[in-house]
PDB file of N, CA and C in Angstrom:
ATOM      1  N   MET A   1       0.863  -1.185   0.000  1.00  0.00           N
ATOM      2  CA  MET A   1       0.000   0.000   0.000  1.00  0.00           C
ATOM      3  C   MET A   1       0.901   1.237   0.000  1.00  0.00           C
ATOM      4  N   SER A   2       0.700   2.135  -0.915  1.00  0.00           N
ATOM      5  CA  SER A   2       1.514   3.341  -0.985  1.00  0.00           C
ATOM      6  C   SER A   2       1.048   4.365   0.039  1.00  0.00           C
ATOM      7  N   ASP A   3       1.925   5.331   0.327  1.00  0.00           N
ATOM      8  CA  ASP A   3       1.591   6.367   1.305  1.00  0.00           C
ATOM      9  C   ASP A   3       0.369   7.170   0.897  1.00  0.00           C
ATOM     10  N   GLU A   4       0.129   7.322  -0.420  1.00  0.00           N
ATOM     11  CA  GLU A   4      -0.994   8.121  -0.884  1.00  0.00           C
ATOM     12  C   GLU A   4      -2.341   7.478  -0.559  1.00  0.00           C
ATOM     13  N   THR A   5      -2.363   6.158  -0.357  1.00  0.00           N
ATOM     14  CA  THR A   5      -3.632   5.478  -0.128  1.00  0.00           C
ATOM     15  C   THR A   5      -3.961   5.308   1.352  1.00  0.00           C
ATOM     16  N   VAL A   6      -3.068   5.709   2.238  1.00  0.00           N
ATOM     17  CA  VAL A   6      -3.306   5.579   3.673  1.00  0.00           C
ATOM     18  C   VAL A   6      -4.018   6.832   4.167  1.00  0.00           C
ATOM     19  N   SER A   7      -5.180   6.634   4.776  1.00  0.00           N
ATOM     20  CA  SER A   7      -5.939   7.782   5.281  1.00  0.00           C
ATOM     21  C   SER A   7      -5.204   8.413   6.461  1.00  0.00           C
ATOM     22  N   PRO A   8      -5.463   9.686   6.720  1.00  0.00           N
ATOM     23  CA  PRO A   8      -4.844  10.330   7.879  1.00  0.00           C
ATOM     24  C   PRO A   8      -5.162   9.607   9.196  1.00  0.00           C
ATOM     25  N   LEU A   9      -6.395   9.118   9.333  1.00  0.00           N
ATOM     26  CA  LEU A   9      -6.767   8.400  10.557  1.00  0.00           C
ATOM     27  C   LEU A   9      -5.942   7.127  10.705  1.00  0.00           C
ATOM     28  N   ARG A  10      -5.829   6.365   9.631  1.00  0.00           N
ATOM     29  CA  ARG A  10      -5.062   5.112   9.672  1.00  0.00           C
ATOM     30  C   ARG A  10      -3.587   5.394   9.970  1.00  0.00           C
ATOM     31  N   ARG A  11      -3.026   6.404   9.302  1.00  0.00           N
ATOM     32  CA  ARG A  11      -1.629   6.765   9.540  1.00  0.00           C
ATOM     33  C   ARG A  11      -1.421   7.137  11.010  1.00  0.00           C
ATOM     34  N   ARG A  12      -2.332   7.930  11.540  1.00  0.00           N
ATOM     35  CA  ARG A  12      -2.229   8.352  12.947  1.00  0.00           C
ATOM     36  C   ARG A  12      -2.316   7.143  13.880  1.00  0.00           C
ATOM     37  N   MET A  13      -3.235   6.232  13.596  1.00  0.00           N
ATOM     38  CA  MET A  13      -3.357   5.020  14.415  1.00  0.00           C
ATOM     39  C   MET A  13      -2.065   4.216  14.403  1.00  0.00           C
ATOM     40  N   ILE A  14      -1.498   4.029  13.217  1.00  0.00           N
ATOM     41  CA  ILE A  14      -0.256   3.260  13.100  1.00  0.00           C
ATOM     42  C   ILE A  14       0.863   3.939  13.878  1.00  0.00           C
ATOM     43  N   GLU A  15       0.959   5.258  13.758  1.00  0.00           N
ATOM     44  CA  GLU A  15       1.981   5.997  14.502  1.00  0.00           C
ATOM     45  C   GLU A  15       1.792   5.832  16.007  1.00  0.00           C
ATOM     46  N   GLU A  16       0.556   5.992  16.481  1.00  0.00           N
ATOM     47  CA  GLU A  16       0.280   5.864  17.916  1.00  0.00           C
ATOM     48  C   GLU A  16       0.577   4.456  18.424  1.00  0.00           C
ATOM     49  N   MET A  17       0.195   3.447  17.643  1.00  0.00           N
ATOM     50  CA  MET A  17       0.445   2.069  18.070  1.00  0.00           C
ATOM     51  C   MET A  17       1.937   1.756  18.063  1.00  0.00           C
ATOM     52  N   THR A  18       2.683   2.362  17.134  1.00  0.00           N
ATOM     53  CA  THR A  18       4.133   2.182  17.103  1.00  0.00           C
ATOM     54  C   THR A  18       4.766   2.827  18.328  1.00  0.00           C
ATOM     55  N   ILE A  19       4.348   4.038  18.650  1.00  0.00           N
ATOM     56  CA  ILE A  19       4.858   4.728  19.836  1.00  0.00           C
ATOM     57  C   ILE A  19       4.599   3.907  21.092  1.00  0.00           C
ATOM     58  N   ARG A  20       3.409   3.326  21.171  1.00  0.00           N
ATOM     59  CA  ARG A  20       3.020   2.551  22.356  1.00  0.00           C
ATOM     60  C   ARG A  20       3.514   1.107  22.304  1.00  0.00           C
ATOM     61  N   GLN A  21       4.260   0.764  21.260  1.00  0.00           N
ATOM     62  CA  GLN A  21       4.891  -0.544  21.074  1.00  0.00           C
ATOM     63  C   GLN A  21       3.889  -1.697  21.069  1.00  0.00           C
ATOM     64  N   PHE A  22       2.784  -1.495  20.367  1.00  0.00           N
ATOM     65  CA  PHE A  22       1.821  -2.582  20.195  1.00  0.00           C
ATOM     66  C   PHE A  22       2.460  -3.642  19.305  1.00  0.00           C
ATOM     67  N   SER A  23       2.154  -4.885  19.563  1.00  0.00           N
ATOM     68  CA  SER A  23       2.672  -5.974  18.731  1.00  0.00           C
ATOM     69  C   SER A  23       2.054  -5.872  17.332  1.00  0.00           C
ATOM     70  N   PRO A  24       2.727  -6.458  16.335  1.00  0.00           N
ATOM     71  CA  PRO A  24       2.153  -6.448  14.984  1.00  0.00           C
ATOM     72  C   PRO A  24       0.749  -7.060  14.938  1.00  0.00           C
ATOM     73  N   LYS A  25       0.510  -8.111  15.711  1.00  0.00           N
ATOM     74  CA  LYS A  25      -0.816  -8.742  15.723  1.00  0.00           C
ATOM     75  C   LYS A  25      -1.874  -7.788  16.264  1.00  0.00           C
ATOM     76  N   VAL A  26      -1.565  -7.103  17.355  1.00  0.00           N
ATOM     77  CA  VAL A  26      -2.525  -6.153  17.932  1.00  0.00           C
ATOM     78  C   VAL A  26      -2.792  -5.026  16.941  1.00  0.00           C
ATOM     79  N   GLN A  27      -1.744  -4.531  16.293  1.00  0.00           N
ATOM     80  CA  GLN A  27      -1.935  -3.473  15.300  1.00  0.00           C
ATOM     81  C   GLN A  27      -2.862  -3.942  14.182  1.00  0.00           C
ATOM     82  N   LYS A  28      -2.625  -5.142  13.687  1.00  0.00           N
ATOM     83  CA  LYS A  28      -3.467  -5.690  12.618  1.00  0.00           C
ATOM     84  C   LYS A  28      -4.914  -5.828  13.083  1.00  0.00           C
ATOM     85  N   ASP A  29      -5.106  -6.350  14.302  1.00  0.00           N
ATOM     86  CA  ASP A  29      -6.458  -6.521  14.844  1.00  0.00           C
ATOM     87  C   ASP A  29      -7.166  -5.182  15.010  1.00  0.00           C
ATOM     88  N   TYR A  30      -6.480  -4.187  15.577  1.00  0.00           N
ATOM     89  CA  TYR A  30      -7.094  -2.880  15.790  1.00  0.00           C
ATOM     90  C   TYR A  30      -7.493  -2.239  14.462  1.00  0.00           C
ATOM     91  N   LEU A  31      -6.590  -2.305  13.481  1.00  0.00           N
ATOM     92  CA  LEU A  31      -6.900  -1.718  12.175  1.00  0.00           C
ATOM     93  C   LEU A  31      -8.092  -2.419  11.534  1.00  0.00           C
ATOM     94  N   ARG A  32      -8.172  -3.731  11.695  1.00  0.00           N
ATOM     95  CA  ARG A  32      -9.309  -4.493  11.149  1.00  0.00           C
ATOM     96  C   ARG A  32     -10.609  -4.065  11.816  1.00  0.00           C
ATOM     97  N   HIS A  33     -10.592  -3.920  13.142  1.00  0.00           N
ATOM     98  CA  HIS A  33     -11.808  -3.521  13.847  1.00  0.00           C
ATOM     99  C   HIS A  33     -12.268  -2.122  13.423  1.00  0.00           C
ATOM    100  N   VAL A  34     -11.334  -1.211  13.262  1.00  0.00           N
ATOM    101  CA  VAL A  34     -11.705   0.149  12.843  1.00  0.00           C
ATOM    102  C   VAL A  34     -12.223   0.133  11.402  1.00  0.00           C
ATOM    103  N   LYS A  35     -11.619  -0.687  10.549  1.00  0.00           N
ATOM    104  CA  LYS A  35     -12.102  -0.810   9.169  1.00  0.00           C
ATOM    105  C   LYS A  35     -13.521  -1.373   9.151  1.00  0.00           C
ATOM    106  N   ASN A  36     -13.779  -2.395   9.964  1.00  0.00           N
ATOM    107  CA  ASN A  36     -15.128  -2.972  10.033  1.00  0.00           C
ATOM    108  C   ASN A  36     -16.143  -1.940  10.515  1.00  0.00           C
ATOM    109  N   PHE A  37     -15.748  -1.110  11.462  1.00  0.00           N
ATOM    110  CA  PHE A  37     -16.626  -0.053  11.958  1.00  0.00           C
ATOM    111  C   PHE A  37     -16.920   0.948  10.845  1.00  0.00           C
ATOM    112  N   ALA A  38     -15.897   1.291  10.060  1.00  0.00           N
ATOM    113  CA  ALA A  38     -16.090   2.225   8.944  1.00  0.00           C
ATOM    114  C   ALA A  38     -17.066   1.653   7.920  1.00  0.00           C
ATOM    115  N   VAL A  39     -16.950   0.365   7.647  1.00  0.00           N
ATOM    116  CA  VAL A  39     -17.878  -0.285   6.713  1.00  0.00           C
ATOM    117  C   VAL A  39     -19.292  -0.231   7.277  1.00  0.00           C
ATOM    118  N   PHE A  40     -19.436  -0.527   8.562  1.00  0.00           N
ATOM    119  CA  PHE A  40     -20.745  -0.469   9.220  1.00  0.00           C
ATOM    120  C   PHE A  40     -21.339   0.934   9.107  1.00  0.00           C
ATOM    121  N   LEU A  41     -20.515   1.944   9.366  1.00  0.00           N
ATOM    122  CA  LEU A  41     -20.988   3.335   9.327  1.00  0.00           C
ATOM    123  C   LEU A  41     -21.270   3.829   7.913  1.00  0.00           C
ATOM    124  N   GLY A  42     -20.455   3.377   6.980  1.00  0.00           N
ATOM    125  CA  GLY A  42     -20.549   3.897   5.623  1.00  0.00           C
ATOM    126  C   GLY A  42     -19.839   5.230   5.468  1.00  0.00           C
ATOM    127  N   ARG A  43     -18.968   5.535   6.422  1.00  0.00           N
ATOM    128  CA  ARG A  43     -18.180   6.776   6.367  1.00  0.00           C
ATOM    129  C   ARG A  43     -16.972   6.626   7.291  1.00  0.00           C
ATOM    130  N   SER A  44     -16.151   7.641   7.331  1.00  0.00           N
ATOM    131  CA  SER A  44     -14.950   7.591   8.161  1.00  0.00           C
ATOM    132  C   SER A  44     -15.317   7.510   9.645  1.00  0.00           C
ATOM    133  N   PRO A  45     -14.642   6.644  10.393  1.00  0.00           N
ATOM    134  CA  PRO A  45     -14.943   6.515  11.824  1.00  0.00           C
ATOM    135  C   PRO A  45     -14.622   7.774  12.631  1.00  0.00           C
ATOM    136  N   ASP A  46     -13.782   8.649  12.100  1.00  0.00           N
ATOM    137  CA  ASP A  46     -13.462   9.853  12.870  1.00  0.00           C
ATOM    138  C   ASP A  46     -14.638  10.825  12.933  1.00  0.00           C
ATOM    139  N   LYS A  47     -15.701  10.532  12.187  1.00  0.00           N
ATOM    140  CA  LYS A  47     -16.924  11.345  12.236  1.00  0.00           C
ATOM    141  C   LYS A  47     -18.010  10.696  13.099  1.00  0.00           C
ATOM    142  N   ALA A  48     -17.688   9.567  13.722  1.00  0.00           N
ATOM    143  CA  ALA A  48     -18.678   8.833  14.518  1.00  0.00           C
ATOM    144  C   ALA A  48     -18.993   9.569  15.815  1.00  0.00           C
ATOM    145  N   ASP A  49     -20.233   9.426  16.254  1.00  0.00           N
ATOM    146  CA  ASP A  49     -20.627   9.982  17.542  1.00  0.00           C
ATOM    147  C   ASP A  49     -21.017   8.833  18.484  1.00  0.00           C
ATOM    148  N   PHE A  50     -21.414   9.197  19.684  1.00  0.00           N
ATOM    149  CA  PHE A  50     -21.754   8.208  20.704  1.00  0.00           C
ATOM    150  C   PHE A  50     -22.825   7.236  20.212  1.00  0.00           C
ATOM    151  N   GLU A  51     -23.839   7.747  19.546  1.00  0.00           N
ATOM    152  CA  GLU A  51     -24.933   6.894  19.072  1.00  0.00           C
ATOM    153  C   GLU A  51     -24.450   5.899  18.013  1.00  0.00           C
ATOM    154  N   ASP A  52     -23.533   6.323  17.150  1.00  0.00           N
ATOM    155  CA  ASP A  52     -22.961   5.404  16.158  1.00  0.00           C
ATOM    156  C   ASP A  52     -22.254   4.241  16.854  1.00  0.00           C
ATOM    157  N   ILE A  53     -21.491   4.557  17.872  1.00  0.00           N
ATOM    158  CA  ILE A  53     -20.761   3.519  18.607  1.00  0.00           C
ATOM    159  C   ILE A  53     -21.731   2.601  19.333  1.00  0.00           C
ATOM    160  N   ARG A  54     -22.768   3.155  19.923  1.00  0.00           N
ATOM    161  CA  ARG A  54     -23.770   2.339  20.612  1.00  0.00           C
ATOM    162  C   ARG A  54     -24.464   1.391  19.634  1.00  0.00           C
ATOM    163  N   ARG A  55     -24.817   1.893  18.458  1.00  0.00           N
ATOM    164  CA  ARG A  55     -25.448   1.038  17.441  1.00  0.00           C
ATOM    165  C   ARG A  55     -24.497  -0.069  16.988  1.00  0.00           C
ATOM    166  N   TYR A  56     -23.217   0.265  16.877  1.00  0.00           N
ATOM    167  CA  TYR A  56     -22.233  -0.741  16.474  1.00  0.00           C
ATOM    168  C   TYR A  56     -22.071  -1.807  17.560  1.00  0.00           C
ATOM    169  N   GLN A  57     -22.071  -1.375  18.815  1.00  0.00           N
ATOM    170  CA  GLN A  57     -22.009  -2.345  19.914  1.00  0.00           C
ATOM    171  C   GLN A  57     -23.201  -3.297  19.850  1.00  0.00           C
ATOM    172  N   LEU A  58     -24.375  -2.772  19.604  1.00  0.00           N
ATOM    173  CA  LEU A  58     -25.567  -3.607  19.482  1.00  0.00           C
ATOM    174  C   LEU A  58     -25.429  -4.559  18.295  1.00  0.00           C
ATOM    175  N   HIS A  59     -24.938  -4.049  17.187  1.00  0.00           N
ATOM    176  CA  HIS A  59     -24.714  -4.877  16.001  1.00  0.00           C
ATOM    177  C   HIS A  59     -23.761  -6.033  16.319  1.00  0.00           C
ATOM    178  N   LEU A  60     -22.648  -5.733  16.983  1.00  0.00           N
ATOM    179  CA  LEU A  60     -21.685  -6.785  17.328  1.00  0.00           C
ATOM    180  C   LEU A  60     -22.304  -7.802  18.272  1.00  0.00           C
ATOM    181  N   SER A  61     -23.076  -7.316  19.218  1.00  0.00           N
ATOM    182  CA  SER A  61     -23.715  -8.192  20.201  1.00  0.00           C
ATOM    183  C   SER A  61     -24.705  -9.142  19.543  1.00  0.00           C
ATOM    184  N   THR A  62     -25.511  -8.626  18.636  1.00  0.00           N
ATOM    185  CA  THR A  62     -26.529  -9.459  17.994  1.00  0.00           C
ATOM    186  C   THR A  62     -25.956 -10.330  16.875  1.00  0.00           C
ATOM    187  N   SER A  63     -24.731 -10.037  16.447  1.00  0.00           N
ATOM    188  CA  SER A  63     -24.109 -10.850  15.393  1.00  0.00           C
ATOM    189  C   SER A  63     -23.431 -12.091  15.956  1.00  0.00           C
ATOM    190  N   GLY A  64     -23.418 -12.217  17.287  1.00  0.00           N
ATOM    191  CA  GLY A  64     -22.852 -13.401  17.915  1.00  0.00           C
ATOM    192  C   GLY A  64     -21.390 -13.277  18.293  1.00  0.00           C
ATOM    193  N   LEU A  65     -20.803 -12.116  18.118  1.00  0.00           N
ATOM    194  CA  LEU A  65     -19.410 -11.919  18.503  1.00  0.00           C
ATOM    195  C   LEU A  65     -19.295 -12.004  20.020  1.00  0.00           C
ATOM    196  N   GLY A  66     -18.306 -12.721  20.502  1.00  0.00           N
ATOM    197  CA  GLY A  66     -18.125 -12.910  21.935  1.00  0.00           C
ATOM    198  C   GLY A  66     -17.738 -11.627  22.654  1.00  0.00           C
ATOM    199  N   VAL A  67     -17.973 -11.619  23.951  1.00  0.00           N
ATOM    200  CA  VAL A  67     -17.678 -10.435  24.769  1.00  0.00           C
ATOM    201  C   VAL A  67     -16.209 -10.020  24.666  1.00  0.00           C
ATOM    202  N   PRO A  68     -15.243 -10.938  24.787  1.00  0.00           N
ATOM    203  CA  PRO A  68     -13.846 -10.498  24.676  1.00  0.00           C
ATOM    204  C   PRO A  68     -13.541  -9.822  23.334  1.00  0.00           C
ATOM    205  N   SER A  69     -14.079 -10.359  22.259  1.00  0.00           N
ATOM    206  CA  SER A  69     -13.852  -9.754  20.938  1.00  0.00           C
ATOM    207  C   SER A  69     -14.527  -8.397  20.822  1.00  0.00           C
ATOM    208  N   ARG A  70     -15.715  -8.259  21.410  1.00  0.00           N
ATOM    209  CA  ARG A  70     -16.394  -6.949  21.400  1.00  0.00           C
ATOM    210  C   ARG A  70     -15.588  -5.938  22.203  1.00  0.00           C
ATOM    211  N   ASN A  71     -15.011  -6.370  23.313  1.00  0.00           N
ATOM    212  CA  ASN A  71     -14.194  -5.462  24.122  1.00  0.00           C
ATOM    213  C   ASN A  71     -12.964  -4.994  23.348  1.00  0.00           C
ATOM    214  N   ILE A  72     -12.339  -5.905  22.617  1.00  0.00           N
ATOM    215  CA  ILE A  72     -11.182  -5.528  21.800  1.00  0.00           C
ATOM    216  C   ILE A  72     -11.607  -4.535  20.720  1.00  0.00           C
ATOM    217  N   ALA A  73     -12.753  -4.779  20.103  1.00  0.00           N
ATOM    218  CA  ALA A  73     -13.251  -3.861  19.072  1.00  0.00           C
ATOM    219  C   ALA A  73     -13.461  -2.463  19.646  1.00  0.00           C
ATOM    220  N   MET A  74     -14.060  -2.382  20.825  1.00  0.00           N
ATOM    221  CA  MET A  74     -14.309  -1.073  21.434  1.00  0.00           C
ATOM    222  C   MET A  74     -13.001  -0.393  21.834  1.00  0.00           C
ATOM    223  N   THR A  75     -12.044  -1.166  22.334  1.00  0.00           N
ATOM    224  CA  THR A  75     -10.741  -0.596  22.679  1.00  0.00           C
ATOM    225  C   THR A  75     -10.055  -0.059  21.427  1.00  0.00           C
ATOM    226  N   ALA A  76     -10.175  -0.776  20.324  1.00  0.00           N
ATOM    227  CA  ALA A  76      -9.599  -0.311  19.059  1.00  0.00           C
ATOM    228  C   ALA A  76     -10.234   1.009  18.629  1.00  0.00           C
ATOM    229  N   LEU A  77     -11.557   1.104  18.769  1.00  0.00           N
ATOM    230  CA  LEU A  77     -12.242   2.345  18.378  1.00  0.00           C
ATOM    231  C   LEU A  77     -11.822   3.502  19.271  1.00  0.00           C
ATOM    232  N   LEU A  78     -11.715   3.245  20.563  1.00  0.00           N
ATOM    233  CA  LEU A  78     -11.270   4.302  21.475  1.00  0.00           C
ATOM    234  C   LEU A  78      -9.842   4.717  21.156  1.00  0.00           C
ATOM    235  N   SER A  79      -9.010   3.752  20.843  1.00  0.00           N
ATOM    236  CA  SER A  79      -7.625   4.043  20.498  1.00  0.00           C
ATOM    237  C   SER A  79      -7.544   4.878  19.225  1.00  0.00           C
ATOM    238  N   SER A  80      -8.404   4.572  18.260  1.00  0.00           N
ATOM    239  CA  SER A  80      -8.382   5.309  16.991  1.00  0.00           C
ATOM    240  C   SER A  80      -8.845   6.746  17.155  1.00  0.00           C
ATOM    241  N   SER A  81      -9.652   6.978  18.177  1.00  0.00           N
ATOM    242  CA  SER A  81     -10.178   8.328  18.384  1.00  0.00           C
ATOM    243  C   SER A  81      -9.273   9.171  19.272  1.00  0.00           C
ATOM    244  N   GLY A  82      -8.219   8.554  19.793  1.00  0.00           N
ATOM    245  CA  GLY A  82      -7.326   9.269  20.692  1.00  0.00           C
ATOM    246  C   GLY A  82      -7.785   9.252  22.131  1.00  0.00           C
ATOM    247  N   ARG A  83      -8.919   8.592  22.417  1.00  0.00           N
ATOM    248  CA  ARG A  83      -9.430   8.475  23.791  1.00  0.00           C
ATOM    249  C   ARG A  83      -8.955   7.155  24.361  1.00  0.00           C
ATOM    250  N   ARG A  84      -8.209   7.200  25.454  1.00  0.00           N
ATOM    251  CA  ARG A  84      -7.740   5.965  26.081  1.00  0.00           C
ATOM    252  C   ARG A  84      -8.116   5.953  27.526  1.00  0.00           C
TER     253      ARG A  84
END
């Protein structure tokens, strides 16, 4: 993937995860969760509000995703927004 195709949000996430020394697996998982959230929203996750996140949590819950995986997804979203 070239630098031109990386969104500012994704670049920022990668930089933050590198600074915090996240393992490559965690970085891959977090990026996947944020991408899935963007697909769910139909727009960039950096424009999401509380209600969008609540709807996504409900979606994950009703889709059969386990609690630990839902927690990781929410942590990834919080990490992407700069809220930790």
